[in-house]
Amino acid sequence: MRLEAVENEDDYAVYRADHGLDALARVGTAVIATSAAVPACAAFLGDLELLRLALELGYEWNWETCASAAMSGQLECLKYARERGCDWSDLTCANAAENGHLECLKYAHEHGCPWNEETCGAAAENGHLECLKYAYERGCPLYEEMCAYAASNGHLECLKYLHERGCPWNEETCQNAAEKGHLECLKYAHEHGCRWDELTCGAAAYVNEIECLRYAQDHGAPDSAHYVVDWQRMYVSAVELIVQIALSHQRDGYVSLRELTPTVNRFLRAWPELDVREEVIGQLREYFGFDPLEEPPPPRERFSTMIDLYATK
């Protein structure tokens, strides 16, 4: 569809579909039939001819055009828009950094585009070390949450870079690393003095990140004894244990309690029952958003249920 034919909302919807503009929703702007949306679409797609045509036909542009070009790394569209007076904002730099488009970031900064701490934050969160370096070395500020963002996504080099340059961190850095299973980030943070609290073990246990849980426990994380094994692992292991024993005997899925008891007792001794303080449970509920009404029964109660199902007395 030619741009001249885009005259109403229905035509614009077809135009978007023809050009695959559903991806434009990532720009964070309302994709509706407005004058400014057409140049933003063209810039996001890197369609310089379409961008030129939009201007010739009187479509207005604004800061979203530059932000859209920077988001998808369309340097020529960014240059074209800016050289013709299109406005931009700190989102141009943030979008470029978030998606690792260093040349767009360089161009924007060198031509006076504003930036703020979100530029470094976006680069760190998404693992774009070169963008992070470029911005920081030219005065872009850091803030405390950046280390937690980098750790959450496993971007160890960004985490190191931030810490070595004095970026503050807190317990959330260790918690995020443990929750997402990024053991190397957890190790680095702890070994370089980052604080942790009971939620480091709690987060690792709740999402079954056993290696992070073991590391935290071995290195004295607070309340680690309460999380030596998480709920999910306890239940899955119990079911697998009993089912495997039962099936191995080939007795129509049953095994005598006398044969089963020693193995179950060894399992119970190896994995002590959880004793989680109510305030910690409350923090986990708030953090993970799980419904306390749907919590599974205690481990020993679950074992009794499994024994009833898979064993005969």
Protein backbone atom coordinates (compact mmCIF):
# COMPACT_ATOMS: atom_id res chain seq x y z
CA MET A 1 0.00 0.00 0.00
CA ARG A 2 1.35 3.43 -0.93
CA LEU A 3 1.51 6.04 1.79
CA GLU A 4 -0.82 8.33 -0.17
CA ALA A 5 -3.60 5.79 0.43
CA VAL A 6 -3.31 5.97 4.21
CA GLU A 7 -6.24 8.25 4.88
CA ASN A 8 -8.12 6.75 7.82
CA GLU A 9 -7.75 4.32 10.70
CA ASP A 10 -8.80 1.28 8.69
CA ASP A 11 -6.30 1.97 5.93
CA TYR A 12 -3.62 2.60 8.50
CA ALA A 13 -4.29 -0.77 10.13
CA VAL A 14 -3.82 -2.43 6.74
CA TYR A 15 -0.67 -0.43 6.19
CA ARG A 16 0.71 -1.62 9.52
CA ALA A 17 -0.13 -5.23 8.72
CA ASP A 18 1.50 -5.01 5.28
CA HIS A 19 4.71 -3.75 6.78
CA GLY A 20 4.84 -5.94 9.85
CA LEU A 21 4.44 -3.04 12.22
CA ASP A 22 3.10 -5.10 15.07
CA ALA A 23 6.69 -5.00 16.26
CA LEU A 24 6.36 -1.27 16.70
CA ALA A 25 4.48 -1.87 19.93
CA ARG A 26 7.91 -2.33 21.50
CA VAL A 27 8.59 1.35 20.98
CA GLY A 28 6.26 2.06 23.87
CA THR A 29 4.07 4.49 21.98
CA ALA A 30 0.45 4.20 20.94
CA VAL A 31 0.36 2.80 17.41
CA ILE A 32 -2.70 4.63 16.16
CA ALA A 33 -3.63 6.62 13.11
CA THR A 34 -1.87 9.86 13.94
CA SER A 35 0.31 12.05 11.82
CA ALA A 36 3.38 11.39 13.99
CA ALA A 37 2.98 7.61 13.91
CA VAL A 38 3.81 7.26 10.21
CA PRO A 39 7.31 8.79 10.41
CA ALA A 40 7.96 6.78 13.57
CA CYS A 41 6.99 3.58 11.74
CA ALA A 42 9.22 4.43 8.81
CA ALA A 43 12.16 5.23 11.07
CA PHE A 44 11.73 2.03 13.07
CA LEU A 45 11.78 0.00 9.85
CA GLY A 46 14.73 1.91 8.46
CA ASP A 47 12.71 2.89 5.39
CA LEU A 48 14.37 6.17 4.47
CA GLU A 49 12.34 6.59 1.28
CA LEU A 50 9.12 6.22 3.21
CA LEU A 51 10.35 8.69 5.82
CA ARG A 52 11.10 11.25 3.11
CA LEU A 53 7.73 10.70 1.50
CA ALA A 54 5.98 11.15 4.83
CA LEU A 55 7.55 14.58 5.18
CA GLU A 56 6.64 15.55 1.62
CA LEU A 57 3.04 14.65 2.31
CA GLY A 58 2.93 16.74 5.45
CA TYR A 59 3.05 14.06 8.14
CA GLU A 60 4.40 15.52 11.35
CA TRP A 61 7.21 13.96 13.27
CA ASN A 62 8.38 14.36 16.84
CA TRP A 63 10.79 12.82 19.33
CA GLU A 64 9.25 9.39 18.72
CA THR A 65 10.77 9.31 15.24
CA CYS A 66 14.31 9.54 16.59
CA ALA A 67 13.55 7.18 19.47
CA SER A 68 12.14 4.61 17.04
CA ALA A 69 15.14 4.84 14.74
CA ALA A 70 17.55 4.43 17.66
CA MET A 71 15.63 1.45 19.02
CA SER A 72 16.11 -0.59 15.86
CA GLY A 73 19.56 0.79 15.03
CA GLN A 74 18.52 2.75 11.94
CA LEU A 75 21.37 5.26 11.92
CA GLU A 76 20.62 6.79 8.51
CA CYS A 77 17.02 7.47 9.46
CA LEU A 78 18.17 8.96 12.74
CA LYS A 79 20.61 11.24 10.94
CA TYR A 80 18.06 12.21 8.32
CA ALA A 81 15.46 13.13 10.91
CA ARG A 82 17.79 15.07 13.14
CA GLU A 83 19.45 16.99 10.31
CA ARG A 84 16.02 18.23 9.29
CA GLY A 85 15.06 19.49 12.70
CA CYS A 86 13.25 16.53 14.20
CA ASP A 87 13.16 16.71 17.98
CA TRP A 88 14.60 14.01 20.21
CA SER A 89 14.71 13.17 23.90
CA ASP A 90 16.69 11.10 26.37
CA LEU A 91 14.79 8.05 25.09
CA THR A 92 16.85 8.18 21.90
CA CYS A 93 20.01 7.39 23.86
CA ALA A 94 18.26 4.96 26.19
CA ASN A 95 16.73 3.03 23.29
CA ALA A 96 20.05 2.83 21.47
CA ALA A 97 21.83 1.57 24.60
CA GLU A 98 19.07 -0.90 25.46
CA ASN A 99 19.43 -2.62 22.11
CA GLY A 100 23.20 -2.34 21.72
CA HIS A 101 23.23 0.15 18.87
CA LEU A 102 26.50 1.86 19.68
CA GLU A 103 26.72 3.95 16.50
CA CYS A 104 23.29 5.42 17.10
CA LEU A 105 24.25 6.16 20.69
CA LYS A 106 27.46 7.84 19.57
CA TYR A 107 25.72 9.94 16.97
CA ALA A 108 23.01 11.05 19.35
CA HIS A 109 25.39 12.03 22.13
CA GLU A 110 27.89 13.75 19.84
CA HIS A 111 25.10 15.86 18.40
CA GLY A 112 23.72 17.03 21.70
CA CYS A 113 20.98 14.55 22.48
CA PRO A 114 20.23 14.49 26.22
CA TRP A 115 20.70 11.36 28.27
CA ASN A 116 20.30 10.33 31.88
CA GLU A 117 21.03 7.34 34.09
CA GLU A 118 18.55 5.23 32.12
CA THR A 119 21.07 5.07 29.27
CA CYS A 120 23.63 3.25 31.41
CA GLY A 121 20.88 1.28 33.11
CA ALA A 122 19.44 0.02 29.83
CA ALA A 123 22.88 -0.99 28.59
CA ALA A 124 23.75 -2.84 31.80
CA GLU A 125 20.41 -4.62 32.06
CA ASN A 126 20.70 -5.96 28.53
CA GLY A 127 24.41 -6.79 28.57
CA HIS A 128 25.66 -4.18 26.12
CA LEU A 129 29.04 -3.50 27.66
CA GLU A 130 30.37 -1.25 24.89
CA CYS A 131 27.36 1.03 25.14
CA LEU A 132 27.74 1.09 28.91
CA LYS A 133 31.42 1.99 28.62
CA TYR A 134 30.80 4.69 26.06
CA ALA A 135 28.09 6.37 28.09
CA TYR A 136 29.83 6.16 31.46
CA GLU A 137 33.16 7.41 30.14
CA ARG A 138 31.39 10.50 28.86
CA GLY A 139 29.70 11.40 32.08
CA CYS A 140 26.45 9.48 32.00
CA PRO A 141 25.50 8.72 35.63
CA LEU A 142 25.03 5.37 37.36
CA TYR A 143 22.53 4.34 40.03
CA GLU A 144 22.20 1.57 42.58
CA GLU A 145 19.72 -0.66 40.79
CA MET A 146 22.02 -1.15 37.78
CA CYS A 147 24.02 -3.91 39.47
CA ALA A 148 20.83 -5.75 40.34
CA TYR A 149 19.62 -5.43 36.75
CA ALA A 150 22.88 -6.79 35.35
CA ALA A 151 22.90 -9.68 37.83
CA SER A 152 19.28 -10.54 37.09
CA ASN A 153 20.11 -11.18 33.45
CA GLY A 154 23.49 -12.82 34.05
CA HIS A 155 25.59 -10.06 32.53
CA LEU A 156 28.74 -10.67 34.52
CA GLU A 157 31.02 -8.34 32.56
CA CYS A 158 28.60 -5.46 32.98
CA LEU A 159 28.32 -6.24 36.69
CA LYS A 160 32.11 -6.20 37.02
CA TYR A 161 32.41 -2.95 35.10
CA LEU A 162 29.81 -1.24 37.24
CA HIS A 163 31.32 -2.39 40.52
CA GLU A 164 34.86 -1.46 39.50
CA ARG A 165 33.66 2.07 38.85
CA GLY A 166 32.00 2.49 42.16
CA CYS A 167 28.40 1.81 41.25
CA PRO A 168 26.59 1.03 44.51
CA TRP A 169 24.86 -2.29 45.04
CA ASN A 170 22.73 -3.89 47.72
CA GLU A 171 21.07 -7.17 48.69
CA GLU A 172 18.94 -7.13 45.58
CA THR A 173 22.01 -7.86 43.44
CA CYS A 174 22.60 -11.21 45.16
CA GLN A 175 18.90 -11.95 45.33
CA ASN A 176 18.40 -11.37 41.61
CA ALA A 177 21.42 -13.46 40.67
CA ALA A 178 20.24 -16.34 42.87
CA GLU A 179 16.65 -16.16 41.67
CA LYS A 180 17.67 -16.38 38.01
CA GLY A 181 20.36 -19.01 38.54
CA HIS A 182 23.32 -16.84 37.58
CA LEU A 183 25.88 -18.45 39.84
CA GLU A 184 28.91 -16.56 38.53
CA CYS A 185 27.20 -13.24 39.17
CA LEU A 186 26.28 -14.38 42.67
CA LYS A 187 29.85 -15.49 43.35
CA TYR A 188 31.33 -12.25 42.06
CA ALA A 189 28.98 -10.08 44.08
CA HIS A 190 29.50 -11.99 47.32
CA GLU A 191 33.27 -12.26 46.93
CA HIS A 192 33.50 -8.52 46.37
CA GLY A 193 31.56 -7.52 49.44
CA CYS A 194 27.99 -7.22 48.24
CA ARG A 195 25.53 -7.71 51.09
CA TRP A 196 22.95 -10.48 51.02
CA ASP A 197 20.04 -11.39 53.23
CA GLU A 198 17.63 -14.29 53.77
CA LEU A 199 15.95 -13.66 50.42
CA THR A 200 19.07 -14.79 48.56
CA CYS A 201 18.49 -18.35 49.74
CA GLY A 202 14.74 -17.91 49.73
CA ALA A 203 14.62 -16.81 46.11
CA ALA A 204 16.97 -19.58 44.97
CA ALA A 205 15.00 -22.24 46.83
CA TYR A 206 11.62 -21.09 45.64
CA VAL A 207 12.55 -21.23 41.95
CA ASN A 208 14.67 -24.38 42.33
CA GLU A 209 18.07 -22.84 41.57
CA ILE A 210 19.92 -25.43 43.61
CA GLU A 211 23.50 -24.46 42.70
CA CYS A 212 22.94 -20.89 43.83
CA LEU A 213 21.25 -22.17 46.98
CA ARG A 214 24.18 -24.45 47.76
CA TYR A 215 26.70 -21.68 47.17
CA ALA A 216 24.82 -19.30 49.43
CA GLN A 217 24.46 -21.95 52.12
CA ASP A 218 28.15 -22.91 51.95
CA HIS A 219 29.19 -19.29 52.30
CA GLY A 220 27.03 -18.37 55.25
CA ALA A 221 24.08 -16.57 53.72
CA PRO A 222 21.57 -15.56 56.42
CA ASP A 223 18.98 -18.18 57.32
CA SER A 224 20.39 -20.63 54.79
CA ALA A 225 19.42 -23.55 57.03
CA HIS A 226 15.79 -22.73 56.35
CA TYR A 227 16.28 -23.24 52.62
CA VAL A 228 18.53 -26.26 52.25
CA VAL A 229 15.91 -27.57 49.88
CA ASP A 230 12.94 -25.80 48.36
CA TRP A 231 9.34 -26.93 48.29
CA GLN A 232 9.27 -27.90 44.65
CA ARG A 233 12.42 -29.99 44.75
CA MET A 234 11.24 -31.81 47.85
CA TYR A 235 7.96 -32.80 46.24
CA VAL A 236 9.37 -33.77 42.87
CA SER A 237 12.14 -35.81 44.46
CA ALA A 238 9.71 -37.56 46.76
CA VAL A 239 7.38 -38.55 43.95
CA GLU A 240 10.23 -39.71 41.73
CA LEU A 241 11.78 -41.70 44.55
CA ILE A 242 8.62 -43.60 45.40
CA VAL A 243 7.51 -44.16 41.82
CA GLN A 244 10.93 -45.46 40.78
CA ILE A 245 11.04 -47.91 43.67
CA ALA A 246 7.52 -49.08 43.00
CA LEU A 247 8.04 -49.59 39.29
CA SER A 248 11.36 -51.30 39.83
CA HIS A 249 9.61 -54.07 41.72
CA GLN A 250 7.17 -54.68 38.89
CA ARG A 251 4.29 -55.35 41.26
CA ASP A 252 1.57 -53.52 39.47
CA GLY A 253 2.97 -50.25 40.72
CA TYR A 254 3.06 -51.22 44.39
CA VAL A 255 5.83 -51.88 46.87
CA SER A 256 5.52 -52.88 50.49
CA LEU A 257 5.90 -50.24 53.16
CA ARG A 258 8.54 -52.41 54.82
CA GLU A 259 10.72 -52.19 51.72
CA LEU A 260 9.96 -48.53 51.19
CA THR A 261 10.51 -47.19 54.71
CA PRO A 262 14.35 -47.36 54.86
CA THR A 263 14.71 -45.42 51.63
CA VAL A 264 12.19 -42.80 52.67
CA ASN A 265 13.89 -42.41 56.04
CA ARG A 266 17.25 -41.87 54.38
CA PHE A 267 15.67 -39.25 52.16
CA LEU A 268 14.09 -37.47 55.12
CA ARG A 269 17.36 -37.45 57.03
CA ALA A 270 19.18 -36.04 54.01
CA TRP A 271 16.68 -33.24 53.48
CA PRO A 272 15.44 -31.79 56.79
CA GLU A 273 12.00 -30.32 56.97
CA LEU A 274 11.72 -26.63 56.16
CA ASP A 275 11.14 -24.18 58.97
CA VAL A 276 10.51 -20.85 57.29
CA ARG A 277 9.67 -17.83 59.40
CA GLU A 278 6.36 -16.18 58.65
CA GLU A 279 7.91 -12.81 57.84
CA VAL A 280 10.17 -14.43 55.25
CA ILE A 281 7.22 -16.25 53.72
CA GLY A 282 5.45 -12.90 53.53
CA GLN A 283 8.39 -11.35 51.71
CA LEU A 284 8.48 -14.22 49.24
CA ARG A 285 4.75 -13.94 48.66
CA GLU A 286 5.12 -10.25 47.94
CA TYR A 287 8.19 -10.72 45.75
CA PHE A 288 7.01 -13.68 43.70
CA GLY A 289 3.29 -12.96 43.78
CA PHE A 290 2.22 -16.51 44.58
CA ASP A 291 -1.12 -17.23 46.17
CA PRO A 292 -0.71 -18.44 49.76
CA LEU A 293 -4.00 -20.33 49.45
CA GLU A 294 -2.40 -22.51 46.79
CA GLU A 295 0.69 -23.42 48.80
CA PRO A 296 1.41 -27.16 48.84
CA PRO A 297 1.21 -29.16 52.08
CA PRO A 298 4.28 -29.61 54.29
CA PRO A 299 6.88 -32.11 53.03
CA ARG A 300 6.15 -34.87 55.53
CA GLU A 301 2.43 -34.63 54.88
CA ARG A 302 3.17 -34.90 51.16
CA PHE A 303 5.30 -38.00 51.82
CA SER A 304 2.43 -39.63 53.69
CA THR A 305 0.14 -38.99 50.73
CA MET A 306 2.64 -40.52 48.31
CA ILE A 307 3.13 -43.56 50.51
CA ASP A 308 -0.63 -44.09 50.64
CA LEU A 309 -0.76 -43.96 46.85
CA TYR A 310 2.22 -46.12 46.01
CA ALA A 311 2.68 -48.52 48.90
CA THR A 312 0.70 -51.20 50.73
CA LYS A 313 1.01 -52.07 54.39
